[in-house]
Amino acid sequence: MNTKFRRHQDTEVMLLDGEYVIMHMNRQSITKVNEIGGIIWSLLAEAKTVHELVLCMQEQYETTYETAEHDIHLFLQQLGEYELVEVIEAVEKEPTSLPYRTAYS
């Protein structure tokens, strides 16, 4: 199963003194994140898997896959606690079988 994450639809973000300020309109809460958190937040405009986020971060920063994966998991968990991200469970489709045909002579 490929779980994807995206920003909650009721959030807005502002850049203030080098920090990203995320506002959840329904909860009336404000959360500040650093530059790297802001980059991840920007990537979450569209649903992404942790794997996709890790690859994007590796393009911009020198880090191992394992370190980036661990940090992103923690960050997403924190965002989830504040209801700032939505979790999308992707259901794996069963392979569709082709119609069976027999050849007759």
N, C-alpha and C. Protein backbone atom coordinates (compact mmCIF):
# COMPACT_ATOMS: atom_id res chain seq x y z
N MET A 1 0.84 -1.17 0.00
CA MET A 1 0.00 0.00 0.00
C MET A 1 0.89 1.24 0.00
N ASN A 2 0.62 2.20 -0.85
CA ASN A 2 1.39 3.44 -0.94
C ASN A 2 0.61 4.58 -0.32
N THR A 3 0.87 4.84 0.93
CA THR A 3 0.19 5.94 1.62
C THR A 3 0.73 7.26 1.10
N LYS A 4 -0.19 8.15 0.78
CA LYS A 4 0.20 9.49 0.32
C LYS A 4 -0.28 10.52 1.33
N PHE A 5 0.41 11.63 1.33
CA PHE A 5 0.09 12.74 2.22
C PHE A 5 -0.07 14.00 1.40
N ARG A 6 -0.95 14.88 1.85
CA ARG A 6 -1.08 16.20 1.22
C ARG A 6 -1.55 17.18 2.28
N ARG A 7 -1.36 18.46 1.96
CA ARG A 7 -1.78 19.50 2.89
C ARG A 7 -3.28 19.42 3.13
N HIS A 8 -3.70 19.69 4.35
CA HIS A 8 -5.13 19.76 4.64
C HIS A 8 -5.70 20.93 3.86
N GLN A 9 -6.88 20.76 3.33
CA GLN A 9 -7.48 21.78 2.45
C GLN A 9 -7.80 23.08 3.19
N ASP A 10 -7.91 23.04 4.51
CA ASP A 10 -8.26 24.25 5.27
C ASP A 10 -7.04 24.95 5.85
N THR A 11 -5.90 24.83 5.17
CA THR A 11 -4.68 25.48 5.66
C THR A 11 -4.20 26.55 4.69
N GLU A 12 -3.52 27.52 5.25
CA GLU A 12 -2.87 28.58 4.49
C GLU A 12 -1.46 28.70 5.05
N VAL A 13 -0.53 29.22 4.24
CA VAL A 13 0.85 29.37 4.71
C VAL A 13 1.38 30.75 4.35
N MET A 14 2.22 31.28 5.24
CA MET A 14 2.90 32.56 5.01
C MET A 14 4.36 32.39 5.35
N LEU A 15 5.23 33.13 4.68
CA LEU A 15 6.65 33.14 5.02
C LEU A 15 6.89 34.39 5.85
N LEU A 16 7.38 34.19 7.08
CA LEU A 16 7.56 35.30 8.01
C LEU A 16 8.92 35.16 8.67
N ASP A 17 9.82 36.10 8.41
CA ASP A 17 11.17 36.08 8.99
C ASP A 17 11.89 34.76 8.75
N GLY A 18 11.78 34.22 7.55
CA GLY A 18 12.48 32.99 7.20
C GLY A 18 11.84 31.72 7.70
N GLU A 19 10.71 31.82 8.37
CA GLU A 19 10.00 30.65 8.85
C GLU A 19 8.64 30.58 8.17
N TYR A 20 8.20 29.37 7.95
CA TYR A 20 6.89 29.17 7.36
C TYR A 20 5.87 29.10 8.48
N VAL A 21 4.82 29.88 8.35
CA VAL A 21 3.75 29.89 9.35
C VAL A 21 2.52 29.27 8.68
N ILE A 22 2.10 28.12 9.22
CA ILE A 22 0.96 27.38 8.66
C ILE A 22 -0.24 27.64 9.55
N MET A 23 -1.30 28.11 8.93
CA MET A 23 -2.53 28.41 9.68
C MET A 23 -3.61 27.42 9.30
N HIS A 24 -4.18 26.78 10.29
CA HIS A 24 -5.32 25.88 10.06
C HIS A 24 -6.56 26.69 10.37
N MET A 25 -7.33 27.00 9.35
CA MET A 25 -8.45 27.92 9.49
C MET A 25 -9.56 27.38 10.40
N ASN A 26 -9.92 26.12 10.25
CA ASN A 26 -11.01 25.57 11.07
C ASN A 26 -10.61 25.42 12.53
N ARG A 27 -9.38 25.00 12.76
CA ARG A 27 -8.90 24.79 14.13
C ARG A 27 -8.42 26.08 14.77
N GLN A 28 -8.25 27.11 13.96
CA GLN A 28 -7.72 28.40 14.41
C GLN A 28 -6.40 28.21 15.14
N SER A 29 -5.50 27.46 14.48
CA SER A 29 -4.19 27.21 15.06
C SER A 29 -3.10 27.70 14.10
N ILE A 30 -1.94 27.98 14.69
CA ILE A 30 -0.80 28.43 13.92
C ILE A 30 0.39 27.54 14.28
N THR A 31 1.11 27.09 13.25
CA THR A 31 2.28 26.23 13.45
C THR A 31 3.43 26.80 12.63
N LYS A 32 4.60 26.95 13.25
CA LYS A 32 5.77 27.44 12.54
C LYS A 32 6.68 26.27 12.21
N VAL A 33 7.23 26.29 11.00
CA VAL A 33 8.21 25.28 10.59
C VAL A 33 9.41 25.97 9.98
N ASN A 34 10.56 25.29 10.02
CA ASN A 34 11.78 25.87 9.46
C ASN A 34 11.80 25.75 7.94
N GLU A 35 12.93 26.12 7.36
CA GLU A 35 13.05 26.14 5.89
C GLU A 35 12.81 24.76 5.27
N ILE A 36 13.40 23.73 5.85
CA ILE A 36 13.24 22.39 5.30
C ILE A 36 11.79 21.93 5.45
N GLY A 37 11.19 22.23 6.59
CA GLY A 37 9.77 21.92 6.78
C GLY A 37 8.92 22.65 5.76
N GLY A 38 9.31 23.89 5.44
CA GLY A 38 8.58 24.67 4.44
C GLY A 38 8.69 24.08 3.05
N ILE A 39 9.86 23.53 2.75
CA ILE A 39 10.04 22.88 1.44
C ILE A 39 9.15 21.64 1.35
N ILE A 40 9.16 20.85 2.41
CA ILE A 40 8.31 19.66 2.41
C ILE A 40 6.84 20.08 2.31
N TRP A 41 6.47 21.14 3.05
CA TRP A 41 5.10 21.64 3.00
C TRP A 41 4.73 22.03 1.58
N SER A 42 5.65 22.70 0.88
CA SER A 42 5.39 23.10 -0.51
C SER A 42 5.16 21.88 -1.40
N LEU A 43 5.94 20.83 -1.17
CA LEU A 43 5.79 19.62 -1.97
C LEU A 43 4.45 18.94 -1.73
N LEU A 44 3.87 19.17 -0.55
CA LEU A 44 2.61 18.53 -0.20
C LEU A 44 1.39 19.22 -0.81
N ALA A 45 1.62 20.17 -1.71
CA ALA A 45 0.50 20.78 -2.43
C ALA A 45 -0.23 19.70 -3.23
N GLU A 46 0.54 18.69 -3.66
CA GLU A 46 -0.03 17.52 -4.33
C GLU A 46 0.30 16.30 -3.47
N ALA A 47 -0.56 15.32 -3.50
CA ALA A 47 -0.35 14.12 -2.69
C ALA A 47 0.97 13.45 -3.07
N LYS A 48 1.76 13.12 -2.05
CA LYS A 48 3.06 12.49 -2.26
C LYS A 48 3.27 11.37 -1.26
N THR A 49 4.00 10.35 -1.67
CA THR A 49 4.41 9.29 -0.75
C THR A 49 5.68 9.76 -0.03
N VAL A 50 6.01 9.07 1.05
CA VAL A 50 7.25 9.38 1.76
C VAL A 50 8.43 9.18 0.80
N HIS A 51 8.38 8.13 0.02
CA HIS A 51 9.46 7.86 -0.94
C HIS A 51 9.65 9.05 -1.90
N GLU A 52 8.56 9.58 -2.43
CA GLU A 52 8.66 10.72 -3.34
C GLU A 52 9.25 11.94 -2.63
N LEU A 53 8.84 12.16 -1.39
CA LEU A 53 9.38 13.29 -0.62
C LEU A 53 10.87 13.12 -0.37
N VAL A 54 11.27 11.90 -0.03
CA VAL A 54 12.70 11.64 0.23
C VAL A 54 13.52 11.94 -1.02
N LEU A 55 13.06 11.47 -2.17
CA LEU A 55 13.81 11.71 -3.41
C LEU A 55 13.92 13.20 -3.71
N CYS A 56 12.86 13.95 -3.49
CA CYS A 56 12.89 15.40 -3.70
C CYS A 56 13.90 16.07 -2.76
N MET A 57 13.92 15.63 -1.50
CA MET A 57 14.85 16.22 -0.53
C MET A 57 16.29 15.86 -0.87
N GLN A 58 16.51 14.66 -1.37
CA GLN A 58 17.87 14.26 -1.74
C GLN A 58 18.39 15.06 -2.94
N GLU A 59 17.50 15.57 -3.77
CA GLU A 59 17.92 16.41 -4.89
C GLU A 59 18.44 17.75 -4.40
N GLN A 60 17.94 18.21 -3.25
CA GLN A 60 18.29 19.54 -2.75
C GLN A 60 19.32 19.53 -1.62
N TYR A 61 19.40 18.42 -0.88
CA TYR A 61 20.29 18.35 0.28
C TYR A 61 21.10 17.07 0.24
N GLU A 62 22.31 17.14 0.77
CA GLU A 62 23.12 15.94 0.89
C GLU A 62 22.69 15.20 2.13
N THR A 63 22.02 14.09 1.94
CA THR A 63 21.53 13.28 3.04
C THR A 63 21.36 11.85 2.56
N THR A 64 21.42 10.93 3.48
CA THR A 64 21.17 9.55 3.09
C THR A 64 19.67 9.33 2.98
N TYR A 65 19.32 8.30 2.24
CA TYR A 65 17.89 7.97 2.10
C TYR A 65 17.28 7.69 3.46
N GLU A 66 17.99 6.92 4.29
CA GLU A 66 17.46 6.51 5.59
C GLU A 66 17.24 7.70 6.51
N THR A 67 18.18 8.63 6.54
CA THR A 67 18.04 9.82 7.39
C THR A 67 16.87 10.67 6.94
N ALA A 68 16.80 10.92 5.64
CA ALA A 68 15.69 11.73 5.10
C ALA A 68 14.35 11.06 5.36
N GLU A 69 14.29 9.76 5.17
CA GLU A 69 13.04 9.02 5.39
C GLU A 69 12.60 9.13 6.85
N HIS A 70 13.55 8.95 7.76
CA HIS A 70 13.25 9.04 9.20
C HIS A 70 12.73 10.44 9.55
N ASP A 71 13.45 11.47 9.10
CA ASP A 71 13.06 12.86 9.42
C ASP A 71 11.70 13.21 8.82
N ILE A 72 11.45 12.75 7.61
CA ILE A 72 10.17 13.05 6.96
C ILE A 72 9.03 12.34 7.66
N HIS A 73 9.25 11.09 8.08
CA HIS A 73 8.23 10.38 8.85
C HIS A 73 7.88 11.15 10.13
N LEU A 74 8.90 11.61 10.84
CA LEU A 74 8.66 12.36 12.08
C LEU A 74 7.90 13.66 11.79
N PHE A 75 8.31 14.36 10.75
CA PHE A 75 7.66 15.62 10.39
C PHE A 75 6.20 15.39 10.03
N LEU A 76 5.93 14.38 9.22
CA LEU A 76 4.55 14.08 8.83
C LEU A 76 3.71 13.67 10.04
N GLN A 77 4.33 12.96 10.97
CA GLN A 77 3.62 12.57 12.18
C GLN A 77 3.23 13.81 12.99
N GLN A 78 4.16 14.76 13.09
CA GLN A 78 3.85 16.00 13.81
C GLN A 78 2.77 16.80 13.11
N LEU A 79 2.85 16.89 11.79
CA LEU A 79 1.82 17.60 11.04
C LEU A 79 0.47 16.92 11.23
N GLY A 80 0.47 15.60 11.28
CA GLY A 80 -0.76 14.83 11.48
C GLY A 80 -1.37 15.10 12.84
N GLU A 81 -0.53 15.25 13.86
CA GLU A 81 -1.03 15.54 15.22
C GLU A 81 -1.77 16.87 15.26
N TYR A 82 -1.35 17.81 14.42
CA TYR A 82 -2.01 19.12 14.36
C TYR A 82 -3.06 19.19 13.26
N GLU A 83 -3.34 18.04 12.65
CA GLU A 83 -4.32 17.92 11.57
C GLU A 83 -4.03 18.86 10.40
N LEU A 84 -2.74 18.98 10.07
CA LEU A 84 -2.33 19.84 8.97
C LEU A 84 -2.17 19.07 7.66
N VAL A 85 -2.11 17.74 7.75
CA VAL A 85 -2.01 16.93 6.54
C VAL A 85 -3.15 15.92 6.50
N GLU A 86 -3.47 15.53 5.29
CA GLU A 86 -4.47 14.49 5.08
C GLU A 86 -3.73 13.25 4.61
N VAL A 87 -4.14 12.11 5.10
CA VAL A 87 -3.54 10.84 4.73
C VAL A 87 -4.44 10.16 3.71
N ILE A 88 -3.84 9.78 2.61
CA ILE A 88 -4.60 9.13 1.54
C ILE A 88 -4.06 7.71 1.41
N GLU A 89 -4.89 6.76 1.75
CA GLU A 89 -4.49 5.35 1.63
C GLU A 89 -4.77 4.90 0.20
N ALA A 90 -3.73 4.56 -0.52
CA ALA A 90 -3.88 4.08 -1.89
C ALA A 90 -4.17 2.60 -1.86
N VAL A 91 -5.23 2.20 -2.49
CA VAL A 91 -5.60 0.80 -2.55
C VAL A 91 -4.96 0.20 -3.79
N GLU A 92 -4.22 -0.86 -3.57
CA GLU A 92 -3.59 -1.52 -4.71
C GLU A 92 -4.64 -2.29 -5.49
N LYS A 93 -4.63 -2.08 -6.78
CA LYS A 93 -5.61 -2.75 -7.64
C LYS A 93 -5.11 -4.15 -7.98
N GLU A 94 -6.06 -5.04 -8.05
CA GLU A 94 -5.74 -6.39 -8.50
C GLU A 94 -5.48 -6.32 -10.00
N PRO A 95 -4.52 -7.09 -10.48
CA PRO A 95 -4.29 -7.05 -11.93
C PRO A 95 -5.52 -7.53 -12.69
N THR A 96 -5.83 -6.82 -13.73
CA THR A 96 -7.00 -7.20 -14.53
C THR A 96 -6.56 -8.28 -15.50
N SER A 97 -7.36 -9.33 -15.54
CA SER A 97 -7.01 -10.41 -16.46
C SER A 97 -7.58 -10.10 -17.83
N LEU A 98 -6.84 -10.51 -18.81
CA LEU A 98 -7.29 -10.33 -20.18
C LEU A 98 -8.32 -11.41 -20.49
N PRO A 99 -9.24 -11.12 -21.38
CA PRO A 99 -10.22 -12.16 -21.74
C PRO A 99 -9.48 -13.39 -22.30
N TYR A 100 -9.93 -14.52 -21.89
CA TYR A 100 -9.32 -15.76 -22.31
C TYR A 100 -9.82 -16.13 -23.71
N ARG A 101 -8.89 -16.38 -24.57
CA ARG A 101 -9.28 -16.77 -25.93
C ARG A 101 -8.57 -18.07 -26.26
N THR A 102 -9.26 -18.89 -26.96
CA THR A 102 -8.65 -20.13 -27.43
C THR A 102 -8.56 -20.08 -28.94
N ALA A 103 -7.56 -20.71 -29.41
CA ALA A 103 -7.38 -20.76 -30.86
C ALA A 103 -7.89 -22.10 -31.36
N TYR A 104 -8.78 -22.04 -32.32
CA TYR A 104 -9.30 -23.27 -32.92
C TYR A 104 -8.76 -23.40 -34.31
N SER A 105 -8.41 -24.63 -34.71
CA SER A 105 -7.91 -24.82 -36.06
C SER A 105 -9.03 -24.90 -37.05
